[in-house]
Amino acid sequence: MAAKIALFDLGHVVLDWDPARLYAKIIDTPQERETFLTDICNMTWHTRHDAGASFADNAADLIRQHPHYESEILAWGRRWMEMFDGYMDGTAELIERLDARQVPLYALSNMPADPWQEMLDEFEVLRRFRHVVVSGQIGLIKPGAAIYHHTLEKMGHPAPESVLFIDNSLPNVEAADALGFRTHHFKHAPGLEEALVREGLL
């Protein structure tokens, strides 16, 4: 079966997101900044946002442990949009080309619920997706199988082998592979374009 639907991850595939971009403005010393992002506001902590925790609740626990970093911790949610630098090179253009061909476009992202509306307002390409599954809104995260099943429901129950899932995270790609999706492990837009051509979507 050929691919008929394109299903995109967002961070590091469509959107150029990097917390260090924000914290370079807040913490002057590179060593202190690296330690903060490794030991305090790290990806393990951030995953709780993706799983449904609000910015406020998740910050409160961390502030109790590190009260001297209260303002820095709160900045994660309050200045979230400053972590972005537009789109990943070339991906938005590929989405526009797919849209012009009327390829059904969907997205599945580990993403906090709190800033989602602001992100929709800021990034026009996100409004090209027929539906975006935001993990923080439903309390499920990749690579758990449940969020992939939920996404298939939102897409109208297509056969997984008709869906090309595009993600930069190898565990997420492997989870989709196991469920029968067609997959592309994203590294850059030229590689994705080749995959889209190969799959007959472009």
C-alpha atoms as a PDB file:
ATOM      1  CA  MET A   1       0.000   0.000   0.000  1.00  0.00           C
ATOM      2  CA  ALA A   2       1.300   3.462  -0.903  1.00  0.00           C
ATOM      3  CA  ALA A   3       1.388   6.303   1.600  1.00  0.00           C
ATOM      4  CA  LYS A   4      -1.665   8.554   1.409  1.00  0.00           C
ATOM      5  CA  ILE A   5      -1.332  10.639   4.601  1.00  0.00           C
ATOM      6  CA  ALA A   6       1.612  12.594   6.037  1.00  0.00           C
ATOM      7  CA  LEU A   7       1.875  12.695   9.842  1.00  0.00           C
ATOM      8  CA  PHE A   8       4.460  15.117  11.219  1.00  0.00           C
ATOM      9  CA  ASP A   9       6.179  15.558  14.539  1.00  0.00           C
ATOM     10  CA  LEU A  10       6.656  19.273  15.296  1.00  0.00           C
ATOM     11  CA  GLY A  11       9.705  20.092  17.449  1.00  0.00           C
ATOM     12  CA  HIS A  12      12.984  19.722  15.502  1.00  0.00           C
ATOM     13  CA  VAL A  13      11.007  18.636  12.418  1.00  0.00           C
ATOM     14  CA  VAL A  14       8.698  21.560  11.646  1.00  0.00           C
ATOM     15  CA  LEU A  15       9.606  24.058  14.386  1.00  0.00           C
ATOM     16  CA  ASP A  16      13.122  25.092  15.423  1.00  0.00           C
ATOM     17  CA  TRP A  17      12.807  24.738  19.228  1.00  0.00           C
ATOM     18  CA  ASP A  18      15.723  24.986  21.645  1.00  0.00           C
ATOM     19  CA  PRO A  19      15.428  25.978  25.340  1.00  0.00           C
ATOM     20  CA  ALA A  20      19.063  27.114  25.303  1.00  0.00           C
ATOM     21  CA  ARG A  21      17.978  29.917  22.966  1.00  0.00           C
ATOM     22  CA  LEU A  22      15.902  31.441  25.771  1.00  0.00           C
ATOM     23  CA  TYR A  23      18.349  30.746  28.582  1.00  0.00           C
ATOM     24  CA  ALA A  24      21.231  32.375  26.711  1.00  0.00           C
ATOM     25  CA  LYS A  25      19.317  35.600  27.433  1.00  0.00           C
ATOM     26  CA  ILE A  26      18.787  34.789  31.113  1.00  0.00           C
ATOM     27  CA  ILE A  27      21.920  33.033  32.416  1.00  0.00           C
ATOM     28  CA  ASP A  28      25.114  34.738  31.293  1.00  0.00           C
ATOM     29  CA  THR A  29      27.692  32.088  32.169  1.00  0.00           C
ATOM     30  CA  PRO A  30      27.734  29.166  29.702  1.00  0.00           C
ATOM     31  CA  GLN A  31      28.752  26.652  32.393  1.00  0.00           C
ATOM     32  CA  GLU A  32      25.967  27.741  34.743  1.00  0.00           C
ATOM     33  CA  ARG A  33      23.466  27.710  31.872  1.00  0.00           C
ATOM     34  CA  GLU A  34      24.488  24.185  30.857  1.00  0.00           C
ATOM     35  CA  THR A  35      24.230  22.973  34.452  1.00  0.00           C
ATOM     36  CA  PHE A  36      20.774  24.565  34.820  1.00  0.00           C
ATOM     37  CA  LEU A  37      19.479  22.884  31.655  1.00  0.00           C
ATOM     38  CA  THR A  38      21.069  19.555  32.577  1.00  0.00           C
ATOM     39  CA  ASP A  39      20.241  19.331  36.280  1.00  0.00           C
ATOM     40  CA  ILE A  40      17.207  21.574  36.877  1.00  0.00           C
ATOM     41  CA  CYS A  41      15.025  22.479  33.867  1.00  0.00           C
ATOM     42  CA  ASN A  42      16.026  19.366  31.951  1.00  0.00           C
ATOM     43  CA  MET A  43      14.174  17.207  29.448  1.00  0.00           C
ATOM     44  CA  THR A  44      13.052  14.705  32.090  1.00  0.00           C
ATOM     45  CA  TRP A  45      11.334  17.546  33.951  1.00  0.00           C
ATOM     46  CA  HIS A  46       9.953  19.018  30.719  1.00  0.00           C
ATOM     47  CA  THR A  47       8.416  15.666  29.731  1.00  0.00           C
ATOM     48  CA  ARG A  48       5.882  16.204  32.532  1.00  0.00           C
ATOM     49  CA  HIS A  49       4.535  19.157  30.531  1.00  0.00           C
ATOM     50  CA  ASP A  50       4.226  16.909  27.504  1.00  0.00           C
ATOM     51  CA  ALA A  51       2.323  14.403  29.645  1.00  0.00           C
ATOM     52  CA  GLY A  52      -0.200  17.009  30.789  1.00  0.00           C
ATOM     53  CA  ALA A  53       1.279  18.930  33.726  1.00  0.00           C
ATOM     54  CA  SER A  54       0.702  22.683  33.576  1.00  0.00           C
ATOM     55  CA  PHE A  55       3.660  25.049  33.506  1.00  0.00           C
ATOM     56  CA  ALA A  56       2.573  26.461  36.880  1.00  0.00           C
ATOM     57  CA  ASP A  57       2.235  23.121  38.675  1.00  0.00           C
ATOM     58  CA  ASN A  58       5.440  21.699  37.264  1.00  0.00           C
ATOM     59  CA  ALA A  59       7.388  24.853  38.135  1.00  0.00           C
ATOM     60  CA  ALA A  60       6.104  24.869  41.722  1.00  0.00           C
ATOM     61  CA  ASP A  61       7.682  21.513  42.552  1.00  0.00           C
ATOM     62  CA  LEU A  62      11.010  22.557  41.080  1.00  0.00           C
ATOM     63  CA  ILE A  63      11.021  25.960  42.803  1.00  0.00           C
ATOM     64  CA  ARG A  64      10.619  24.246  46.165  1.00  0.00           C
ATOM     65  CA  GLN A  65      13.816  22.321  45.428  1.00  0.00           C
ATOM     66  CA  HIS A  66      15.723  25.262  43.899  1.00  0.00           C
ATOM     67  CA  PRO A  67      14.202  28.487  45.299  1.00  0.00           C
ATOM     68  CA  HIS A  68      17.182  30.609  44.213  1.00  0.00           C
ATOM     69  CA  TYR A  69      16.293  29.801  40.588  1.00  0.00           C
ATOM     70  CA  GLU A  70      12.621  30.748  40.862  1.00  0.00           C
ATOM     71  CA  SER A  71      12.609  33.366  38.102  1.00  0.00           C
ATOM     72  CA  GLU A  72      14.636  31.160  35.759  1.00  0.00           C
ATOM     73  CA  ILE A  73      12.297  28.204  36.289  1.00  0.00           C
ATOM     74  CA  LEU A  74       9.191  30.342  35.750  1.00  0.00           C
ATOM     75  CA  ALA A  75      10.679  31.680  32.515  1.00  0.00           C
ATOM     76  CA  TRP A  76      10.258  28.234  30.922  1.00  0.00           C
ATOM     77  CA  GLY A  77       6.518  28.775  30.719  1.00  0.00           C
ATOM     78  CA  ARG A  78       6.308  32.562  30.752  1.00  0.00           C
ATOM     79  CA  ARG A  79       8.802  33.020  27.914  1.00  0.00           C
ATOM     80  CA  TRP A  80       8.154  29.757  26.063  1.00  0.00           C
ATOM     81  CA  MET A  81       7.885  31.373  22.645  1.00  0.00           C
ATOM     82  CA  GLU A  82      11.430  32.724  22.949  1.00  0.00           C
ATOM     83  CA  MET A  83      12.696  29.140  22.624  1.00  0.00           C
ATOM     84  CA  PHE A  84      11.659  29.142  18.958  1.00  0.00           C
ATOM     85  CA  ASP A  85      13.456  30.481  15.924  1.00  0.00           C
ATOM     86  CA  GLY A  86      10.802  29.945  13.274  1.00  0.00           C
ATOM     87  CA  TYR A  87      10.757  26.800  11.160  1.00  0.00           C
ATOM     88  CA  MET A  88      13.322  24.124  10.533  1.00  0.00           C
ATOM     89  CA  ASP A  89      15.081  24.827   7.230  1.00  0.00           C
ATOM     90  CA  GLY A  90      12.984  23.600   4.315  1.00  0.00           C
ATOM     91  CA  THR A  91      10.240  21.706   6.153  1.00  0.00           C
ATOM     92  CA  ALA A  92       7.521  24.367   5.970  1.00  0.00           C
ATOM     93  CA  GLU A  93       8.030  24.554   2.207  1.00  0.00           C
ATOM     94  CA  LEU A  94       7.562  20.784   1.913  1.00  0.00           C
ATOM     95  CA  ILE A  95       4.345  21.014   3.938  1.00  0.00           C
ATOM     96  CA  GLU A  96       3.090  23.768   1.627  1.00  0.00           C
ATOM     97  CA  ARG A  97       3.845  21.582  -1.405  1.00  0.00           C
ATOM     98  CA  LEU A  98       2.023  18.634   0.148  1.00  0.00           C
ATOM     99  CA  ASP A  99      -0.921  20.863   0.967  1.00  0.00           C
ATOM    100  CA  ALA A 100      -1.026  22.127  -2.624  1.00  0.00           C
ATOM    101  CA  ARG A 101      -1.295  18.488  -3.747  1.00  0.00           C
ATOM    102  CA  GLN A 102      -4.166  18.030  -1.246  1.00  0.00           C
ATOM    103  CA  VAL A 103      -2.245  15.380   0.700  1.00  0.00           C
ATOM    104  CA  PRO A 104      -4.005  14.932   4.064  1.00  0.00           C
ATOM    105  CA  LEU A 105      -1.702  16.533   6.657  1.00  0.00           C
ATOM    106  CA  TYR A 106      -1.728  15.736  10.376  1.00  0.00           C
ATOM    107  CA  ALA A 107       0.674  16.222  13.269  1.00  0.00           C
ATOM    108  CA  LEU A 108       1.476  14.261  16.415  1.00  0.00           C
ATOM    109  CA  SER A 109       3.646  16.070  18.932  1.00  0.00           C
ATOM    110  CA  ASN A 110       4.878  15.703  22.472  1.00  0.00           C
ATOM    111  CA  MET A 111       3.988  19.283  23.393  1.00  0.00           C
ATOM    112  CA  PRO A 112       2.636  21.143  26.448  1.00  0.00           C
ATOM    113  CA  ALA A 113      -1.010  22.150  26.334  1.00  0.00           C
ATOM    114  CA  ASP A 114      -0.539  25.600  27.897  1.00  0.00           C
ATOM    115  CA  PRO A 115       1.062  27.453  24.947  1.00  0.00           C
ATOM    116  CA  TRP A 116      -0.661  25.638  22.095  1.00  0.00           C
ATOM    117  CA  GLN A 117      -3.067  28.404  21.075  1.00  0.00           C
ATOM    118  CA  GLU A 118      -0.235  30.950  21.058  1.00  0.00           C
ATOM    119  CA  MET A 119       1.792  28.630  18.851  1.00  0.00           C
ATOM    120  CA  LEU A 120      -1.119  28.239  16.423  1.00  0.00           C
ATOM    121  CA  ASP A 121      -1.402  32.003  16.227  1.00  0.00           C
ATOM    122  CA  GLU A 122       2.341  32.445  15.651  1.00  0.00           C
ATOM    123  CA  PHE A 123       3.119  29.670  13.152  1.00  0.00           C
ATOM    124  CA  GLU A 124       0.906  29.696  10.057  1.00  0.00           C
ATOM    125  CA  VAL A 125       2.076  26.286   8.875  1.00  0.00           C
ATOM    126  CA  LEU A 126       0.502  24.635  11.922  1.00  0.00           C
ATOM    127  CA  ARG A 127      -2.906  25.695  10.652  1.00  0.00           C
ATOM    128  CA  ARG A 128      -2.414  23.609   7.510  1.00  0.00           C
ATOM    129  CA  PHE A 129      -2.790  20.394   9.513  1.00  0.00           C
ATOM    130  CA  ARG A 130      -6.272  18.903   9.567  1.00  0.00           C
ATOM    131  CA  HIS A 131      -5.713  17.923  13.199  1.00  0.00           C
ATOM    132  CA  VAL A 132      -2.785  18.140  15.613  1.00  0.00           C
ATOM    133  CA  VAL A 133      -2.549  15.651  18.466  1.00  0.00           C
ATOM    134  CA  VAL A 134      -0.928  17.590  21.327  1.00  0.00           C
ATOM    135  CA  SER A 135       0.231  15.172  24.004  1.00  0.00           C
ATOM    136  CA  GLY A 136      -0.284  17.610  26.870  1.00  0.00           C
ATOM    137  CA  GLN A 137      -3.965  17.982  25.968  1.00  0.00           C
ATOM    138  CA  ILE A 138      -4.699  14.258  26.233  1.00  0.00           C
ATOM    139  CA  GLY A 139      -2.198  13.010  28.828  1.00  0.00           C
ATOM    140  CA  LEU A 140      -0.517  10.539  26.470  1.00  0.00           C
ATOM    141  CA  ILE A 141       3.034  10.793  25.104  1.00  0.00           C
ATOM    142  CA  LYS A 142       5.204   9.203  22.465  1.00  0.00           C
ATOM    143  CA  PRO A 143       6.592   6.591  22.233  1.00  0.00           C
ATOM    144  CA  GLY A 144       3.677   4.978  24.086  1.00  0.00           C
ATOM    145  CA  ALA A 145       1.442   3.000  21.727  1.00  0.00           C
ATOM    146  CA  ALA A 146      -1.751   4.614  23.057  1.00  0.00           C
ATOM    147  CA  ILE A 147      -1.050   8.016  21.508  1.00  0.00           C
ATOM    148  CA  TYR A 148      -0.535   6.446  18.081  1.00  0.00           C
ATOM    149  CA  HIS A 149      -3.867   4.619  18.356  1.00  0.00           C
ATOM    150  CA  HIS A 150      -5.506   7.884  19.445  1.00  0.00           C
ATOM    151  CA  THR A 151      -3.998   9.616  16.406  1.00  0.00           C
ATOM    152  CA  LEU A 152      -5.339   6.969  14.031  1.00  0.00           C
ATOM    153  CA  GLU A 153      -8.794   7.582  15.502  1.00  0.00           C
ATOM    154  CA  LYS A 154      -8.458  11.330  14.932  1.00  0.00           C
ATOM    155  CA  MET A 155      -7.432  10.682  11.337  1.00  0.00           C
ATOM    156  CA  GLY A 156     -10.541   8.561  10.715  1.00  0.00           C
ATOM    157  CA  HIS A 157      -9.042   5.089  11.282  1.00  0.00           C
ATOM    158  CA  PRO A 158      -6.800   4.792   8.200  1.00  0.00           C
ATOM    159  CA  ALA A 159      -4.623   1.708   7.817  1.00  0.00           C
ATOM    160  CA  PRO A 160      -1.295   2.497   9.533  1.00  0.00           C
ATOM    161  CA  GLU A 161       0.588   1.421   6.410  1.00  0.00           C
ATOM    162  CA  SER A 162      -1.093   4.273   4.500  1.00  0.00           C
ATOM    163  CA  VAL A 163       0.392   6.853   6.899  1.00  0.00           C
ATOM    164  CA  LEU A 164       3.946   8.202   6.622  1.00  0.00           C
ATOM    165  CA  PHE A 165       5.043   9.233  10.134  1.00  0.00           C
ATOM    166  CA  ILE A 166       7.933  11.717  10.275  1.00  0.00           C
ATOM    167  CA  ASP A 167       9.844  12.244  13.543  1.00  0.00           C
ATOM    168  CA  ASN A 168      13.388  13.147  14.578  1.00  0.00           C
ATOM    169  CA  SER A 169      13.307  10.792  17.589  1.00  0.00           C
ATOM    170  CA  LEU A 170      14.381   7.242  16.791  1.00  0.00           C
ATOM    171  CA  PRO A 171      12.373   5.683  19.693  1.00  0.00           C
ATOM    172  CA  ASN A 172       9.243   7.411  18.378  1.00  0.00           C
ATOM    173  CA  VAL A 173       9.933   6.147  14.857  1.00  0.00           C
ATOM    174  CA  GLU A 174      10.559   2.617  16.114  1.00  0.00           C
ATOM    175  CA  ALA A 175       7.287   2.666  18.075  1.00  0.00           C
ATOM    176  CA  ALA A 176       5.409   3.698  14.932  1.00  0.00           C
ATOM    177  CA  ASP A 177       7.224   1.010  12.917  1.00  0.00           C
ATOM    178  CA  ALA A 178       6.044  -1.608  15.396  1.00  0.00           C
ATOM    179  CA  LEU A 179       2.448  -0.503  14.854  1.00  0.00           C
ATOM    180  CA  GLY A 180       2.702  -0.771  11.086  1.00  0.00           C
ATOM    181  CA  PHE A 181       3.177   2.870  10.094  1.00  0.00           C
ATOM    182  CA  ARG A 182       5.425   3.872   7.229  1.00  0.00           C
ATOM    183  CA  THR A 183       8.148   5.998   8.819  1.00  0.00           C
ATOM    184  CA  HIS A 184      10.896   8.483   8.132  1.00  0.00           C
ATOM    185  CA  HIS A 185      13.564   9.295  10.730  1.00  0.00           C
ATOM    186  CA  PHE A 186      13.954  13.033  10.119  1.00  0.00           C
ATOM    187  CA  LYS A 187      17.402  14.581   9.987  1.00  0.00           C
ATOM    188  CA  HIS A 188      16.981  17.372   7.429  1.00  0.00           C
ATOM    189  CA  ALA A 189      14.548  18.601   4.788  1.00  0.00           C
ATOM    190  CA  PRO A 190      16.408  17.221   1.732  1.00  0.00           C
ATOM    191  CA  GLY A 191      16.218  13.716   3.200  1.00  0.00           C
ATOM    192  CA  LEU A 192      12.535  14.179   3.939  1.00  0.00           C
ATOM    193  CA  GLU A 193      11.888  15.410   0.410  1.00  0.00           C
ATOM    194  CA  GLU A 194      13.506  12.244  -0.958  1.00  0.00           C
ATOM    195  CA  ALA A 195      11.283  10.131   1.295  1.00  0.00           C
ATOM    196  CA  LEU A 196       8.140  12.011   0.238  1.00  0.00           C
ATOM    197  CA  VAL A 197       9.008  11.492  -3.422  1.00  0.00           C
ATOM    198  CA  ARG A 198       9.780   7.834  -2.808  1.00  0.00           C
ATOM    199  CA  GLU A 199       6.419   7.397  -1.087  1.00  0.00           C
ATOM    200  CA  GLY A 200       4.596   9.101  -3.953  1.00  0.00           C
ATOM    201  CA  LEU A 201       3.404  12.046  -1.844  1.00  0.00           C
ATOM    202  CA  LEU A 202       5.488  14.556  -3.819  1.00  0.00           C
END
